[in-house]
Amino acid sequence: MKVIAWRALAAGLALVATMAAKAGWASTVILVRPENPKAITAEALVRMHGELVSAGFDVQIAATTAGADPRASLEQTASGNNVDAVVALLGDATPGLVEVWVIDRVTGKSVVRRIPSQPESNRAAEILAIRAIELLRASLLEIAMVGGREPPIVPKPPPVEVTRFVEHALDPRKDSRWAIEFGGSGVASFDGVGLALLPMVRLDLALGPHILMRATAAGLGTRSRVEASAGSAEVAQQFGLIEAALRLRPLQRLQPFFSLGAGGRYTSAEGRASPPGQGQTAGQWSFLADAGAGLRLSLGRHFEIALEVHAQLAQPYPSIRFLGSPVATSGRPDLLPSLTLLAWL
């Protein structure tokens, strides 16, 4: 059974890797900076770069051509292969004013906005970056804003990163903070306690795009069997955890995932001794520390599949004994692969 579980886990990881490989190249956004940018503009570009990368775009940085006409120069930059949009921060030589240009090849238009800059504010770069990103998002929103009129003429089907970028703004439940997961987990020790399969349920609370808190409960599944010359035992396990989790690239289809948690585990064993011995039944509570990693696959706005692998350390760890001698232990540590379906509420 243990070999079958490891093979199933390896097959699942291979499937996720294959889907990641098929995801293709990301859409490209080019950020154009002034020839000698001020500190606020330079910081805003760094913030924009991070935001667009987290949204799944391939982001490149280019510099303006000295003395060239801005529109002609930016349109030439946008004409490159696989370029979907160009965002430029220009004109910061003018006191208190930054020109934000968006050349949008997805919807086939250009947008220019003059945004006031407040160098004395500690949030000046952050505000400038937010306004520039929102200008790009507003331009791309045209692919979804039909509203009873003729749809816009789009030169080519929008890339998947653009669609997700737009849907995130339009989704009426994009701010959903609660999710529920259903699935199962396997648990096996490295010291004699075999594989058991446990139903699992989780409740997730999103504290932001990257940070989550989770409550996990698993149990009422199959029992592990321990064999020895003096008899045998069936081992049942159930546990509960509170976890803090980090989700990377939350807007992308594949999201790496890491977690740390703590809780409790109850382990019970029903022994059967060889004659003339007599079997006993015993149970034990243990403190449980848990660390996990995995991948989440987005199936749309509200559903995800999560494949994770956890290591659990129990203290005190359960020990299965026959005639006073230990023959198997668990929780030193145990390995738990899990597969769940998640729904945002």
Protein backbone atom coordinates (compact mmCIF):
# COMPACT_ATOMS: atom_id res chain seq x y z
CA MET A 1 0.00 0.00 0.00
CA LYS A 2 2.81 2.40 0.88
CA VAL A 3 4.50 1.90 -2.52
CA ILE A 4 1.17 2.55 -4.27
CA ALA A 5 0.71 5.79 -2.31
CA TRP A 6 4.17 7.09 -3.23
CA ARG A 7 3.61 6.21 -6.89
CA ALA A 8 0.26 8.03 -6.84
CA LEU A 9 1.91 11.08 -5.28
CA ALA A 10 4.69 11.04 -7.90
CA ALA A 11 2.11 10.75 -10.69
CA GLY A 12 0.16 13.69 -9.27
CA LEU A 13 3.27 15.88 -9.10
CA ALA A 14 4.19 14.90 -12.65
CA LEU A 15 0.69 15.87 -13.81
CA VAL A 16 0.98 19.30 -12.20
CA ALA A 17 4.43 19.81 -13.74
CA THR A 18 3.08 18.86 -17.16
CA MET A 19 0.22 21.35 -16.84
CA ALA A 20 2.71 24.02 -15.85
CA ALA A 21 4.82 23.27 -18.91
CA LYS A 22 1.76 23.55 -21.14
CA ALA A 23 0.84 26.95 -19.74
CA GLY A 24 3.02 28.55 -22.41
CA TRP A 25 4.82 31.88 -22.48
CA ALA A 26 3.43 34.74 -20.44
CA SER A 27 2.05 37.92 -21.99
CA THR A 28 4.65 40.66 -22.26
CA VAL A 29 4.37 44.16 -20.80
CA ILE A 30 7.21 46.63 -21.38
CA LEU A 31 7.80 49.35 -18.79
CA VAL A 32 9.49 52.45 -20.22
CA ARG A 33 11.36 54.80 -17.90
CA PRO A 34 12.67 58.34 -18.50
CA GLU A 35 16.32 58.76 -19.44
CA ASN A 36 17.23 60.08 -15.97
CA PRO A 37 14.30 59.15 -13.73
CA LYS A 38 13.75 60.81 -10.38
CA ALA A 39 13.78 58.63 -7.26
CA ILE A 40 9.97 58.53 -7.05
CA THR A 41 9.60 57.45 -10.68
CA ALA A 42 12.32 54.80 -10.32
CA GLU A 43 10.66 53.38 -7.20
CA ALA A 44 7.24 53.41 -8.88
CA LEU A 45 8.65 51.38 -11.77
CA VAL A 46 10.04 48.79 -9.34
CA ARG A 47 6.64 48.51 -7.66
CA MET A 48 4.86 48.20 -11.02
CA HIS A 49 7.31 45.50 -12.10
CA GLY A 50 6.55 43.43 -8.99
CA GLU A 51 2.78 43.85 -9.31
CA LEU A 52 2.70 42.84 -12.98
CA VAL A 53 5.00 39.85 -12.43
CA SER A 54 2.74 38.63 -9.61
CA ALA A 55 -0.20 38.94 -12.04
CA GLY A 56 1.55 36.54 -14.44
CA PHE A 57 3.04 38.92 -17.01
CA ASP A 58 6.52 38.75 -18.49
CA VAL A 59 7.78 42.27 -17.68
CA GLN A 60 10.66 44.02 -19.44
CA ILE A 61 12.27 47.41 -18.76
CA ALA A 62 13.22 49.82 -21.57
CA ALA A 63 14.53 53.40 -21.63
CA THR A 64 13.21 56.28 -23.70
CA THR A 65 15.12 57.46 -26.77
CA ALA A 66 16.57 60.91 -26.16
CA GLY A 67 15.02 63.57 -28.41
CA ALA A 68 12.52 61.19 -30.05
CA ASP A 69 8.80 61.86 -30.33
CA PRO A 70 7.25 60.01 -27.34
CA ARG A 71 4.27 58.56 -29.22
CA ALA A 72 6.32 57.36 -32.18
CA SER A 73 8.99 55.90 -29.90
CA LEU A 74 6.47 54.04 -27.72
CA GLU A 75 4.53 52.72 -30.70
CA GLN A 76 7.77 51.40 -32.16
CA THR A 77 8.51 49.67 -28.84
CA ALA A 78 5.01 48.19 -28.83
CA SER A 79 5.43 46.83 -32.36
CA GLY A 80 7.82 44.11 -31.22
CA ASN A 81 6.81 40.48 -31.39
CA ASN A 82 4.67 39.16 -28.51
CA VAL A 83 4.35 42.61 -26.90
CA ASP A 84 0.85 43.08 -25.48
CA ALA A 85 1.21 46.46 -23.77
CA VAL A 86 3.69 49.28 -23.12
CA VAL A 87 3.45 51.44 -20.01
CA ALA A 88 5.66 54.54 -19.83
CA LEU A 89 6.30 57.07 -17.06
CA LEU A 90 7.43 60.24 -18.83
CA GLY A 91 7.65 63.95 -18.22
CA ASP A 92 8.85 63.81 -14.63
CA ALA A 93 11.06 66.78 -15.40
CA THR A 94 7.90 68.88 -15.03
CA PRO A 95 7.49 69.80 -11.35
CA GLY A 96 4.61 67.93 -9.70
CA LEU A 97 3.50 66.12 -12.87
CA VAL A 98 4.13 62.69 -14.41
CA GLU A 99 2.79 61.58 -17.79
CA VAL A 100 1.62 57.97 -17.86
CA TRP A 101 1.32 56.46 -21.35
CA VAL A 102 -0.34 53.11 -22.09
CA ILE A 103 0.00 51.55 -25.55
CA ASP A 104 -2.51 48.69 -25.44
CA ARG A 105 -2.13 46.23 -28.31
CA VAL A 106 -4.85 43.92 -26.95
CA THR A 107 -7.63 46.46 -27.49
CA GLY A 108 -5.70 48.51 -30.07
CA LYS A 109 -5.60 51.94 -28.43
CA SER A 110 -3.33 54.41 -26.62
CA VAL A 111 -4.10 56.29 -23.39
CA VAL A 112 -2.28 59.24 -21.81
CA ARG A 113 -2.90 60.65 -18.34
CA ARG A 114 -1.09 63.44 -16.47
CA ILE A 115 -0.86 62.40 -12.82
CA PRO A 116 0.06 64.88 -10.07
CA SER A 117 3.16 63.91 -8.13
CA GLN A 118 3.72 64.84 -4.50
CA PRO A 119 7.43 64.36 -3.73
CA GLU A 120 6.92 65.35 -0.09
CA SER A 121 4.59 62.38 0.52
CA ASN A 122 6.06 59.11 1.81
CA ARG A 123 3.60 57.24 -0.42
CA ALA A 124 4.24 59.21 -3.62
CA ALA A 125 5.91 56.29 -5.46
CA GLU A 126 3.27 53.81 -4.27
CA ILE A 127 0.40 56.06 -5.40
CA LEU A 128 2.03 56.67 -8.79
CA ALA A 129 2.51 52.92 -9.33
CA ILE A 130 -1.11 52.17 -8.35
CA ARG A 131 -2.49 54.80 -10.72
CA ALA A 132 -0.35 53.58 -13.61
CA ILE A 133 -1.40 49.94 -13.05
CA GLU A 134 -5.06 50.95 -12.82
CA LEU A 135 -4.75 52.92 -16.07
CA LEU A 136 -3.48 49.76 -17.79
CA ARG A 137 -6.28 47.70 -16.23
CA ALA A 138 -8.89 50.27 -17.28
CA SER A 139 -7.63 50.11 -20.86
CA LEU A 140 -7.77 46.30 -20.90
CA LEU A 141 -11.26 46.30 -19.35
CA GLU A 142 -12.67 47.22 -22.76
CA ILE A 143 -12.44 43.56 -23.79
CA ALA A 144 -15.10 42.73 -21.17
CA MET A 145 -17.23 45.91 -21.03
CA VAL A 146 -19.80 45.18 -23.73
CA GLY A 147 -22.86 46.52 -21.84
CA GLY A 148 -25.46 46.49 -24.63
CA ARG A 149 -23.32 48.05 -27.33
CA GLU A 150 -21.19 46.59 -30.08
CA PRO A 151 -18.15 44.83 -28.63
CA PRO A 152 -14.79 46.47 -29.35
CA ILE A 153 -12.71 45.23 -32.23
CA VAL A 154 -9.84 43.34 -30.68
CA PRO A 155 -6.87 42.69 -33.03
CA LYS A 156 -6.26 39.25 -31.53
CA PRO A 157 -7.77 37.05 -28.80
CA PRO A 158 -6.63 38.38 -25.41
CA PRO A 159 -3.90 36.30 -23.72
CA VAL A 160 -4.88 34.37 -20.62
CA GLU A 161 -2.85 36.67 -18.33
CA VAL A 162 -4.77 39.67 -19.66
CA THR A 163 -8.10 37.91 -19.14
CA ARG A 164 -7.24 37.06 -15.52
CA PHE A 165 -5.98 40.63 -14.95
CA VAL A 166 -9.33 42.00 -16.16
CA GLU A 167 -11.51 39.39 -14.45
CA HIS A 168 -9.87 40.20 -11.14
CA ALA A 169 -11.26 43.75 -11.45
CA LEU A 170 -14.72 42.64 -12.62
CA ASP A 171 -15.27 39.65 -10.32
CA PRO A 172 -17.99 40.70 -7.83
CA ARG A 173 -16.66 38.13 -5.38
CA LYS A 174 -12.95 38.84 -5.90
CA ASP A 175 -12.76 39.90 -2.24
CA SER A 176 -14.00 36.52 -0.96
CA ARG A 177 -12.07 35.79 2.20
CA TRP A 178 -13.45 32.39 3.16
CA ALA A 179 -13.00 29.06 1.44
CA ILE A 180 -13.72 25.44 2.28
CA GLU A 181 -11.70 22.40 1.18
CA PHE A 182 -12.70 18.74 0.94
CA GLY A 183 -10.40 15.88 0.09
CA GLY A 184 -8.16 13.24 1.57
CA SER A 185 -4.72 12.63 2.97
CA GLY A 186 -2.44 9.65 3.30
CA VAL A 187 -0.36 9.23 6.47
CA ALA A 188 2.54 6.83 6.99
CA SER A 189 5.48 6.75 9.38
CA PHE A 190 9.10 5.89 8.66
CA ASP A 191 9.16 3.33 11.49
CA GLY A 192 6.70 0.50 11.01
CA VAL A 193 3.24 2.11 11.00
CA GLY A 194 1.85 1.59 7.52
CA LEU A 195 -0.24 3.78 5.25
CA ALA A 196 -3.70 5.02 6.28
CA LEU A 197 -6.09 7.12 4.19
CA LEU A 198 -7.95 9.88 6.02
CA PRO A 199 -10.83 12.12 4.81
CA MET A 200 -9.89 15.79 5.30
CA VAL A 201 -11.74 19.10 5.59
CA ARG A 202 -10.26 22.61 5.84
CA LEU A 203 -11.60 26.11 6.41
CA ASP A 204 -9.46 28.87 4.86
CA LEU A 205 -9.40 32.58 5.75
CA ALA A 206 -7.51 34.91 3.38
CA LEU A 207 -5.79 37.79 5.20
CA GLY A 208 -4.54 39.18 1.87
CA PRO A 209 -3.58 37.89 -1.59
CA HIS A 210 -0.60 35.95 -0.18
CA ILE A 211 -1.37 35.12 3.47
CA LEU A 212 -3.98 32.61 4.67
CA MET A 213 -5.00 31.03 7.95
CA ARG A 214 -6.40 27.49 7.87
CA ALA A 215 -8.15 25.12 10.26
CA THR A 216 -7.65 21.48 9.24
CA ALA A 217 -9.29 18.31 10.53
CA ALA A 218 -8.67 14.72 9.34
CA GLY A 219 -9.74 11.32 10.64
CA LEU A 220 -12.29 8.49 10.53
CA GLY A 221 -10.36 6.80 7.73
CA THR A 222 -8.64 3.47 7.24
CA ARG A 223 -6.40 1.89 9.88
CA SER A 224 -2.73 1.03 9.63
CA ARG A 225 -1.65 -2.51 10.52
CA VAL A 226 1.46 -3.42 12.52
CA GLU A 227 2.66 -7.03 12.45
CA ALA A 228 5.07 -8.76 14.85
CA SER A 229 5.81 -12.31 15.96
CA ALA A 230 3.99 -11.69 19.23
CA GLY A 231 0.81 -10.44 17.54
CA SER A 232 -0.61 -7.58 15.52
CA ALA A 233 -2.24 -4.19 16.04
CA GLU A 234 -4.55 -1.89 14.09
CA VAL A 235 -3.68 1.78 14.47
CA ALA A 236 -6.18 4.64 13.95
CA GLN A 237 -5.17 8.30 13.73
CA GLN A 238 -6.99 11.62 13.65
CA PHE A 239 -5.67 15.14 13.98
CA GLY A 240 -6.53 18.83 13.91
CA LEU A 241 -4.33 21.81 12.98
CA ILE A 242 -4.27 25.59 12.86
CA GLU A 243 -1.99 26.70 10.02
CA ALA A 244 -0.49 29.89 8.62
CA ALA A 245 0.13 29.66 4.87
CA LEU A 246 1.97 31.62 2.19
CA ARG A 247 0.54 31.56 -1.35
CA LEU A 248 2.84 32.76 -4.14
CA ARG A 249 1.64 34.20 -7.50
CA PRO A 250 -2.03 34.35 -6.35
CA LEU A 251 -3.37 35.56 -9.73
CA GLN A 252 -1.72 32.83 -11.77
CA ARG A 253 -3.10 29.43 -12.70
CA LEU A 254 -0.42 27.52 -10.77
CA GLN A 255 0.35 28.82 -7.28
CA PRO A 256 3.20 27.48 -5.11
CA PHE A 257 2.07 27.07 -1.51
CA PHE A 258 3.85 26.76 1.86
CA SER A 259 2.42 26.30 5.36
CA LEU A 260 3.36 25.92 9.02
CA GLY A 261 0.94 24.66 11.64
CA ALA A 262 0.42 23.22 15.10
CA GLY A 263 -2.32 21.18 16.73
CA GLY A 264 -3.07 17.83 18.26
CA ARG A 265 -3.26 14.19 17.22
CA TYR A 266 -5.07 11.27 18.82
CA THR A 267 -3.64 7.82 18.09
CA SER A 268 -5.36 4.62 19.19
CA ALA A 269 -4.18 1.03 18.80
CA GLU A 270 -6.17 -2.21 19.12
CA GLY A 271 -3.81 -5.11 19.81
CA ARG A 272 -4.26 -8.81 19.08
CA ALA A 273 -1.74 -11.08 20.83
CA SER A 274 -0.73 -14.58 19.87
CA PRO A 275 -1.93 -17.20 22.41
CA PRO A 276 -1.61 -17.35 25.34
CA GLY A 277 -1.11 -13.54 25.32
CA GLN A 278 -3.94 -11.05 25.62
CA GLY A 279 -4.35 -8.00 23.37
CA GLN A 280 -4.99 -4.51 24.71
CA THR A 281 -6.48 -1.28 23.40
CA ALA A 282 -4.85 2.07 24.20
CA GLY A 283 -4.93 5.67 23.03
CA GLN A 284 -2.67 8.71 23.30
CA TRP A 285 -2.90 12.45 22.63
CA SER A 286 0.17 14.21 21.18
CA PHE A 287 1.15 17.77 20.34
CA LEU A 288 1.63 18.05 16.58
CA ALA A 289 3.93 20.34 14.55
CA ASP A 290 3.34 20.46 10.80
CA ALA A 291 5.19 21.89 7.77
CA GLY A 292 3.85 21.62 4.22
CA ALA A 293 4.48 22.61 0.60
CA GLY A 294 2.56 22.12 -2.61
CA LEU A 295 0.81 23.57 -5.62
CA ARG A 296 -2.66 24.98 -6.18
CA LEU A 297 -4.27 24.80 -9.62
CA SER A 298 -6.94 27.45 -10.32
CA LEU A 299 -10.05 26.08 -12.07
CA GLY A 300 -11.71 29.48 -12.47
CA ARG A 301 -12.77 32.31 -10.23
CA HIS A 302 -13.93 30.25 -7.27
CA PHE A 303 -12.43 26.75 -7.44
CA GLU A 304 -8.94 25.34 -6.98
CA ILE A 305 -7.28 21.93 -6.67
CA ALA A 306 -4.55 21.69 -4.03
CA LEU A 307 -1.82 19.03 -4.04
CA GLU A 308 0.35 19.22 -0.92
CA VAL A 309 2.93 17.18 0.98
CA HIS A 310 3.26 17.63 4.76
CA ALA A 311 5.72 16.44 7.40
CA GLN A 312 4.34 16.04 10.94
CA LEU A 313 6.25 15.66 14.19
CA ALA A 314 4.37 14.39 17.28
CA GLN A 315 5.41 14.88 20.90
CA PRO A 316 5.21 12.54 22.68
CA TYR A 317 5.29 10.23 19.70
CA PRO A 318 3.05 7.12 19.79
CA SER A 319 4.83 3.79 20.24
CA ILE A 320 3.33 0.35 19.50
CA ARG A 321 4.64 -2.30 21.93
CA PHE A 322 4.36 -6.07 22.19
CA LEU A 323 5.38 -7.71 25.47
CA GLY A 324 6.85 -4.39 26.56
CA SER A 325 9.12 -4.02 23.50
CA PRO A 326 8.50 -1.26 20.91
CA VAL A 327 7.95 -2.59 17.39
CA ALA A 328 6.74 0.57 15.60
CA THR A 329 6.44 4.33 16.17
CA SER A 330 4.76 7.22 14.39
CA GLY A 331 5.21 10.97 14.30
CA ARG A 332 9.01 10.95 14.19
CA PRO A 333 8.12 12.36 11.60
CA ASP A 334 5.24 11.16 9.43
CA LEU A 335 4.76 12.05 5.76
CA LEU A 336 1.31 13.11 4.54
CA PRO A 337 0.45 13.72 0.86
CA SER A 338 -2.98 15.34 0.43
CA LEU A 339 -5.32 16.23 -2.44
CA THR A 340 -8.26 18.61 -1.90
CA LEU A 341 -10.85 20.59 -3.88
CA LEU A 342 -11.23 24.17 -2.67
CA ALA A 343 -14.23 26.49 -3.16
CA TRP A 344 -14.17 30.22 -2.32
CA LEU A 345 -17.43 31.24 -0.67
